[in-house]
């Protein structure tokens, strides 16, 4: 895949010798200290009728980037512990990543027990619960891991496919997600393939198939099985129909999920209203990135979370960004192939 400037403006670098605007000097930027779990809870501002509760925190889980629940309500978390430990990214290929299993023994909604299922991983990035075990993505490997004695530790690890790129310089540009959809296919971000997984006579098997290239960050589906995803330069896109139908036509051109060609853009106004200044964002010194008060003007790196407990009866879809410190944005998606943003929101 070729990434071009017009298609992904967020990838444009600074020009050689370009003088940067030190716009941060004009603002009295408030401190942003690390908060305790209780301080973080106290800082939330939520709409009437909602509340935020703590489910898990350090030391039970550290640097989680992907999660999955199993049939017993246990929370499996992928920890990316080696990523950006220093400003220079030193030691990013150290085998510090791991998968932990969190348990809520007393049913109070808070996970108080943590077990290391698998450790010694280099930049793990995705997880999915499957028949008899769990799929774990650790580029360039896709592992099928099994706990044979019930102690919540991996006893048998089998590579079932090559997955992603192990180059630490392209962490944001390689396969991710491992999303199992209603058609029983696994779909991935930053990927043009899908696969089915099964265990036959005790052996894991994968069936590969071509699909449209889609997404960069989050990947999710709604109750109709429509895929929602985004790129560096778009909040939310959606495939209103299975793109595999289009791929059967040799005259359809590029796969439908490529940036600028498809996924239908769900919104056009990507304005954001953070709760604080965002002077530390990438290229915040460039014109148009920050408002006059130092807050982010628009966002392009959020992760869509359609469906599940974050979808209300009207079909709103939530988009969450944890780095810009603003609440989840939501839009309404109607049941027709055309998408609308409710002007009242």
Protein backbone atom coordinates (compact mmCIF):
# COMPACT_ATOMS: atom_id res chain seq x y z
CA UNK A 1 0.00 0.00 0.00
CA UNK A 2 1.26 3.49 -0.85
CA UNK A 3 0.46 6.23 1.67
CA UNK A 4 0.13 9.57 -0.09
CA UNK A 5 0.00 13.03 1.38
CA UNK A 6 -3.43 13.97 0.00
CA UNK A 7 -4.98 10.76 1.28
CA UNK A 8 -3.45 10.92 4.74
CA UNK A 9 -2.49 14.52 5.61
CA UNK A 10 -1.67 13.45 9.15
CA UNK A 11 1.38 11.64 7.77
CA UNK A 12 2.99 14.78 6.32
CA UNK A 13 6.24 15.62 8.08
CA UNK A 14 7.83 19.01 8.64
CA UNK A 15 9.73 20.56 5.77
CA UNK A 16 13.51 20.64 6.00
CA UNK A 17 14.66 23.87 7.66
CA UNK A 18 11.10 24.89 8.53
CA UNK A 19 10.90 27.37 11.41
CA UNK A 20 8.36 26.23 13.97
CA UNK A 21 5.93 28.51 15.72
CA UNK A 22 6.44 28.46 19.49
CA UNK A 23 2.77 29.18 20.05
CA UNK A 24 2.77 27.46 23.44
CA UNK A 25 4.58 30.46 24.92
CA UNK A 26 1.40 32.56 24.73
CA UNK A 27 -0.55 30.28 27.07
CA UNK A 28 -0.35 29.58 30.77
CA UNK A 29 -0.60 25.82 30.40
CA UNK A 30 -1.97 24.18 33.56
CA UNK A 31 -0.09 21.19 34.99
CA UNK A 32 -1.16 17.68 34.05
CA UNK A 33 0.00 15.49 36.95
CA UNK A 34 -0.42 11.74 37.05
CA UNK A 35 -3.61 11.06 39.02
CA UNK A 36 -4.42 8.29 41.44
CA UNK A 37 -7.40 6.13 40.47
CA UNK A 38 -9.64 8.02 42.90
CA UNK A 39 -8.42 11.41 41.67
CA UNK A 40 -9.14 10.32 38.11
CA UNK A 41 -12.67 9.27 39.07
CA UNK A 42 -13.26 12.60 40.79
CA UNK A 43 -12.16 14.48 37.66
CA UNK A 44 -14.79 12.96 35.35
CA UNK A 45 -17.72 15.09 34.20
CA UNK A 46 -20.64 12.97 33.02
CA UNK A 47 -24.22 13.62 31.96
CA UNK A 48 -27.04 13.17 34.49
CA UNK A 49 -27.95 9.52 34.93
CA UNK A 50 -24.44 8.25 34.19
CA UNK A 51 -21.56 7.39 36.48
CA UNK A 52 -18.00 6.17 36.04
CA UNK A 53 -16.71 3.29 38.14
CA UNK A 54 -13.22 1.87 38.45
CA UNK A 55 -12.94 -1.66 37.04
CA UNK A 56 -9.17 -2.21 37.09
CA UNK A 57 -5.98 -0.27 37.71
CA UNK A 58 -2.29 -0.71 38.42
CA UNK A 59 -0.69 -2.92 39.62
CA UNK A 60 -3.20 -5.47 38.31
CA UNK A 61 -2.92 -4.17 34.76
CA UNK A 62 -0.19 -1.98 33.23
CA UNK A 63 -0.18 -0.22 29.85
CA UNK A 64 -3.18 -2.11 28.38
CA UNK A 65 -3.89 -1.59 24.67
CA UNK A 66 -6.42 -4.34 23.86
CA UNK A 67 -8.93 -6.33 25.89
CA UNK A 68 -11.35 -9.22 25.53
CA UNK A 69 -13.88 -10.85 27.83
CA UNK A 70 -14.31 -14.59 28.05
CA UNK A 71 -17.49 -16.55 28.81
CA UNK A 72 -16.83 -16.35 32.57
CA UNK A 73 -16.59 -12.58 32.65
CA UNK A 74 -12.83 -12.57 33.04
CA UNK A 75 -11.03 -9.67 31.41
CA UNK A 76 -8.00 -10.49 29.25
CA UNK A 77 -5.68 -7.55 28.64
CA UNK A 78 -2.71 -7.08 26.31
CA UNK A 79 0.02 -4.99 27.91
CA UNK A 80 2.38 -3.00 25.67
CA UNK A 81 4.96 -2.37 28.39
CA UNK A 82 8.01 -1.64 26.22
CA UNK A 83 6.46 1.09 24.06
CA UNK A 84 7.90 4.61 24.47
CA UNK A 85 9.46 4.17 27.90
CA UNK A 86 11.73 7.10 27.06
CA UNK A 87 11.29 10.11 24.82
CA UNK A 88 13.65 8.45 22.34
CA UNK A 89 11.78 5.15 22.35
CA UNK A 90 14.69 3.18 23.79
CA UNK A 91 14.21 -0.55 24.28
CA UNK A 92 10.97 -0.87 22.35
CA UNK A 93 11.89 -4.38 21.19
CA UNK A 94 12.56 -5.63 24.71
CA UNK A 95 10.34 -8.65 25.48
CA UNK A 96 8.33 -6.94 28.21
CA UNK A 97 4.85 -7.31 26.74
CA UNK A 98 2.41 -9.73 28.28
CA UNK A 99 -1.20 -10.86 28.49
CA UNK A 100 -2.89 -10.86 31.88
CA UNK A 101 -6.23 -12.28 33.03
CA UNK A 102 -8.22 -10.18 35.50
CA UNK A 103 -10.84 -11.72 37.79
CA UNK A 104 -13.57 -10.23 39.98
CA UNK A 105 -13.85 -12.77 42.79
CA UNK A 106 -16.52 -11.08 44.90
CA UNK A 107 -18.77 -9.77 42.13
CA UNK A 108 -18.46 -6.10 43.06
CA UNK A 109 -17.56 -5.05 39.52
CA UNK A 110 -13.88 -4.46 40.28
CA UNK A 111 -11.09 -6.79 39.17
CA UNK A 112 -8.90 -7.48 42.18
CA UNK A 113 -6.92 -10.50 40.96
CA UNK A 114 -4.45 -10.62 38.07
CA UNK A 115 -2.68 -13.63 36.54
CA UNK A 116 0.02 -13.46 33.88
CA UNK A 117 -1.20 -15.74 31.09
CA UNK A 118 1.73 -15.17 28.72
CA UNK A 119 4.82 -12.97 29.03
CA UNK A 120 8.07 -12.30 27.18
CA UNK A 121 6.22 -10.77 24.23
CA UNK A 122 7.57 -8.09 21.87
CA UNK A 123 4.98 -5.43 21.05
CA UNK A 124 1.81 -7.56 21.31
CA UNK A 125 -1.22 -5.73 19.91
CA UNK A 126 -4.47 -7.72 19.72
CA UNK A 127 -6.38 -10.55 21.37
CA UNK A 128 -9.52 -12.60 20.81
CA UNK A 129 -11.12 -15.43 22.76
CA UNK A 130 -11.67 -18.49 20.55
CA UNK A 131 -12.56 -22.16 20.80
CA UNK A 132 -10.41 -23.82 23.44
CA UNK A 133 -8.01 -20.92 23.87
CA UNK A 134 -7.07 -17.43 22.82
CA UNK A 135 -5.58 -15.77 19.74
CA UNK A 136 -2.78 -13.31 20.50
CA UNK A 137 -1.16 -11.07 17.88
CA UNK A 138 2.55 -10.50 18.38
CA UNK A 139 3.90 -9.40 14.97
CA UNK A 140 5.01 -11.19 12.94
CA UNK A 141 3.18 -14.01 14.73
CA UNK A 142 -0.45 -14.88 15.34
CA UNK A 143 -0.45 -17.31 18.27
CA UNK A 144 -3.10 -19.78 19.36
CA UNK A 145 -2.51 -20.27 23.08
CA UNK A 146 -4.10 -22.84 25.37
CA UNK A 147 -4.28 -23.32 29.11
CA UNK A 148 -4.26 -27.11 29.59
CA UNK A 149 -4.50 -27.35 33.39
CA UNK A 150 -6.83 -24.48 34.36
CA UNK A 151 -4.27 -22.25 36.09
CA UNK A 152 -4.83 -19.38 33.61
CA UNK A 153 -1.31 -19.68 32.23
CA UNK A 154 -0.44 -20.58 28.67
CA UNK A 155 0.84 -24.15 28.39
CA UNK A 156 0.80 -24.58 24.61
CA UNK A 157 1.52 -21.89 22.01
CA UNK A 158 1.09 -22.56 18.29
CA UNK A 159 1.72 -20.13 15.42
CA UNK A 160 -1.34 -20.26 13.16
CA UNK A 161 -0.42 -17.42 10.77
CA UNK A 162 2.02 -14.63 10.03
CA UNK A 163 0.52 -11.41 11.27
CA UNK A 164 1.60 -7.80 10.97
CA UNK A 165 5.07 -6.27 10.82
CA UNK A 166 7.57 -6.66 13.66
CA UNK A 167 9.38 -3.42 12.76
CA UNK A 168 9.00 -1.16 15.84
CA UNK A 169 9.00 1.91 13.58
CA UNK A 170 5.62 0.98 12.09
CA UNK A 171 3.63 0.13 15.21
CA UNK A 172 0.77 2.30 13.95
CA UNK A 173 0.94 0.91 10.41
CA UNK A 174 0.45 -2.83 10.75
CA UNK A 175 -2.36 -5.32 11.27
CA UNK A 176 -4.45 -5.08 14.39
CA UNK A 177 -7.94 -5.63 15.87
CA UNK A 178 -8.71 -9.39 15.59
CA UNK A 179 -12.41 -8.52 15.52
CA UNK A 180 -14.71 -11.50 15.14
CA UNK A 181 -17.87 -10.36 13.40
CA UNK A 182 -21.40 -11.68 13.03
CA UNK A 183 -20.43 -13.58 9.85
CA UNK A 184 -17.85 -15.54 11.91
CA UNK A 185 -14.94 -13.97 10.02
CA UNK A 186 -12.13 -12.16 11.80
CA UNK A 187 -11.46 -8.67 10.40
CA UNK A 188 -8.44 -6.48 11.02
CA UNK A 189 -7.41 -2.86 10.79
CA UNK A 190 -4.64 -1.95 8.36
CA UNK A 191 -5.27 -5.17 6.49
CA UNK A 192 -6.81 -6.51 3.29
CA UNK A 193 -7.48 -10.02 4.52
CA UNK A 194 -9.92 -11.75 6.80
CA UNK A 195 -9.90 -15.25 8.22
CA UNK A 196 -11.98 -17.90 9.91
CA UNK A 197 -10.63 -19.89 12.83
CA UNK A 198 -11.60 -23.37 13.94
CA UNK A 199 -10.20 -26.34 15.84
CA UNK A 200 -10.47 -29.59 13.89
CA UNK A 201 -9.45 -32.86 15.54
CA UNK A 202 -7.61 -30.86 18.18
CA UNK A 203 -5.62 -28.82 15.66
CA UNK A 204 -6.14 -25.09 14.99
CA UNK A 205 -6.99 -24.18 11.40
CA UNK A 206 -7.30 -20.87 9.56
CA UNK A 207 -9.19 -20.11 6.36
CA UNK A 208 -7.89 -16.94 4.68
CA UNK A 209 -9.85 -14.70 2.33
CA UNK A 210 -9.43 -11.30 0.68
CA UNK A 211 -11.35 -8.30 1.94
CA UNK A 212 -11.21 -4.55 1.49
CA UNK A 213 -8.31 -2.72 3.06
CA UNK A 214 -9.70 -0.67 5.90
CA UNK A 215 -8.82 1.27 8.98
CA UNK A 216 -5.76 2.18 10.97
CA UNK A 217 -6.82 2.30 14.60
CA UNK A 218 -10.12 1.08 16.00
CA UNK A 219 -12.40 -1.47 14.35
CA UNK A 220 -15.92 -2.30 15.49
CA UNK A 221 -19.28 -3.50 14.20
CA UNK A 222 -22.89 -2.63 14.88
CA UNK A 223 -25.84 -4.97 15.36
CA UNK A 224 -26.20 -5.33 11.59
CA UNK A 225 -22.58 -6.39 11.18
CA UNK A 226 -21.50 -3.17 9.48
CA UNK A 227 -17.85 -2.37 10.12
CA UNK A 228 -16.81 0.99 11.57
CA UNK A 229 -13.20 2.13 11.46
CA UNK A 230 -10.99 5.18 11.12
CA UNK A 231 -7.67 6.49 9.88
CA UNK A 232 -5.19 9.07 11.00
CA UNK A 233 -7.20 11.68 9.09
CA UNK A 234 -10.81 10.62 9.66
CA UNK A 235 -12.84 10.03 12.80
CA UNK A 236 -15.30 7.44 11.62
CA UNK A 237 -15.90 5.55 8.40
CA UNK A 238 -18.29 2.72 7.72
CA UNK A 239 -18.83 0.00 5.14
CA UNK A 240 -22.62 0.09 4.62
CA UNK A 241 -22.55 -3.27 2.84
CA UNK A 242 -20.15 -6.23 2.80
CA UNK A 243 -17.20 -5.14 0.69
CA UNK A 244 -16.59 -8.73 -0.36
CA UNK A 245 -19.57 -8.25 -2.69
CA UNK A 246 -17.67 -5.46 -4.44
CA UNK A 247 -14.42 -7.38 -4.67
CA UNK A 248 -16.11 -9.99 -6.84
CA UNK A 249 -16.42 -7.35 -9.55
CA UNK A 250 -13.05 -6.98 -11.37
CA UNK A 251 -14.12 -3.51 -12.55
CA UNK A 252 -14.72 -2.03 -9.11
CA UNK A 253 -11.26 -0.45 -8.90
CA UNK A 254 -9.47 -0.20 -5.59
CA UNK A 255 -10.80 -2.19 -2.62
CA UNK A 256 -13.63 -0.27 -1.06
CA UNK A 257 -12.06 0.39 2.33
CA UNK A 258 -9.05 2.37 1.15
CA UNK A 259 -8.67 5.95 2.39
CA UNK A 260 -10.39 8.40 0.07
CA UNK A 261 -12.17 5.66 -1.87
CA UNK A 262 -14.52 4.16 0.64
CA UNK A 263 -15.64 3.47 3.88
CA UNK A 264 -18.36 6.11 3.89
CA UNK A 265 -17.42 9.03 6.10
CA UNK A 266 -19.97 9.13 8.89
CA UNK A 267 -19.26 12.75 9.79
CA UNK A 268 -17.73 15.77 8.12
CA UNK A 269 -17.47 18.15 11.08
CA UNK A 270 -14.67 16.74 13.25
CA UNK A 271 -14.53 19.68 15.66
CA UNK A 272 -13.59 18.79 19.22
CA UNK A 273 -14.12 20.47 22.57
CA UNK A 274 -11.48 19.17 25.02
CA UNK A 275 -11.68 19.85 28.75
CA UNK A 276 -8.19 21.37 28.85
CA UNK A 277 -5.39 22.77 26.69
CA UNK A 278 -3.71 20.32 24.31
CA UNK A 279 -0.43 22.09 23.60
CA UNK A 280 1.54 18.83 23.69
CA UNK A 281 -0.11 17.21 20.67
CA UNK A 282 1.89 16.18 17.63
CA UNK A 283 2.58 19.21 15.40
CA UNK A 284 0.52 21.49 17.60
CA UNK A 285 2.73 24.32 16.40
CA UNK A 286 1.32 24.14 12.86
CA UNK A 287 -1.47 26.53 11.79
CA UNK A 288 -4.99 25.26 12.27
CA UNK A 289 -4.17 22.60 14.85
CA UNK A 290 -5.07 24.51 18.02
CA UNK A 291 -7.71 27.11 18.82
CA UNK A 292 -6.92 30.50 20.24
CA UNK A 293 -7.30 29.08 23.76
CA UNK A 294 -4.82 26.24 23.15
CA UNK A 295 -7.41 23.50 22.76
CA UNK A 296 -7.39 21.00 19.92
CA UNK A 297 -9.43 22.18 16.93
CA UNK A 298 -10.23 18.78 15.43
CA UNK A 299 -9.29 15.18 16.08
CA UNK A 300 -8.17 12.45 13.69
CA UNK A 301 -6.93 9.58 15.84
CA UNK A 302 -9.85 8.35 17.90
CA UNK A 303 -11.05 4.76 18.10
CA UNK A 304 -14.69 3.97 17.20
CA UNK A 305 -16.65 1.84 19.63
CA UNK A 306 -20.02 1.01 18.01
CA UNK A 307 -22.45 -1.41 19.61
CA UNK A 308 -22.36 -3.04 23.01
CA UNK A 309 -22.95 -1.13 26.21
CA UNK A 310 -21.89 2.17 24.63
CA UNK A 311 -24.73 2.21 22.10
CA UNK A 312 -28.04 3.71 23.15
CA UNK A 313 -31.46 2.64 21.79
CA UNK A 314 -31.29 5.32 19.09
CA UNK A 315 -28.16 3.78 17.59
CA UNK A 316 -25.60 6.40 18.59
CA UNK A 317 -22.00 5.37 18.10
CA UNK A 318 -19.32 6.47 20.50
CA UNK A 319 -15.86 7.64 19.56
CA UNK A 320 -13.33 7.73 22.38
CA UNK A 321 -10.00 9.54 22.47
CA UNK A 322 -7.93 9.11 25.62
CA UNK A 323 -5.01 11.31 24.64
CA UNK A 324 -6.82 14.60 24.08
CA UNK A 325 -8.79 14.58 27.35
CA UNK A 326 -12.27 15.07 26.02
CA UNK A 327 -15.39 12.98 26.56
CA UNK A 328 -16.63 10.39 24.06
CA UNK A 329 -18.21 11.97 21.00
CA UNK A 330 -21.22 10.19 19.59
CA UNK A 331 -23.17 10.24 16.36
CA UNK A 332 -26.41 8.67 15.25
CA UNK A 333 -26.30 6.03 12.51
CA UNK A 334 -29.62 5.25 10.88
CA UNK A 335 -30.52 1.83 9.53
CA UNK A 336 -30.29 2.89 5.88
CA UNK A 337 -27.06 2.81 3.85
CA UNK A 338 -26.84 6.57 4.24
CA UNK A 339 -25.44 8.01 7.44
CA UNK A 340 -26.51 11.14 9.25
CA UNK A 341 -25.30 13.08 12.19
CA UNK A 342 -28.11 14.27 14.41
CA UNK A 343 -27.85 18.10 14.35
CA UNK A 344 -29.15 18.22 17.93
CA UNK A 345 -26.07 16.44 19.28
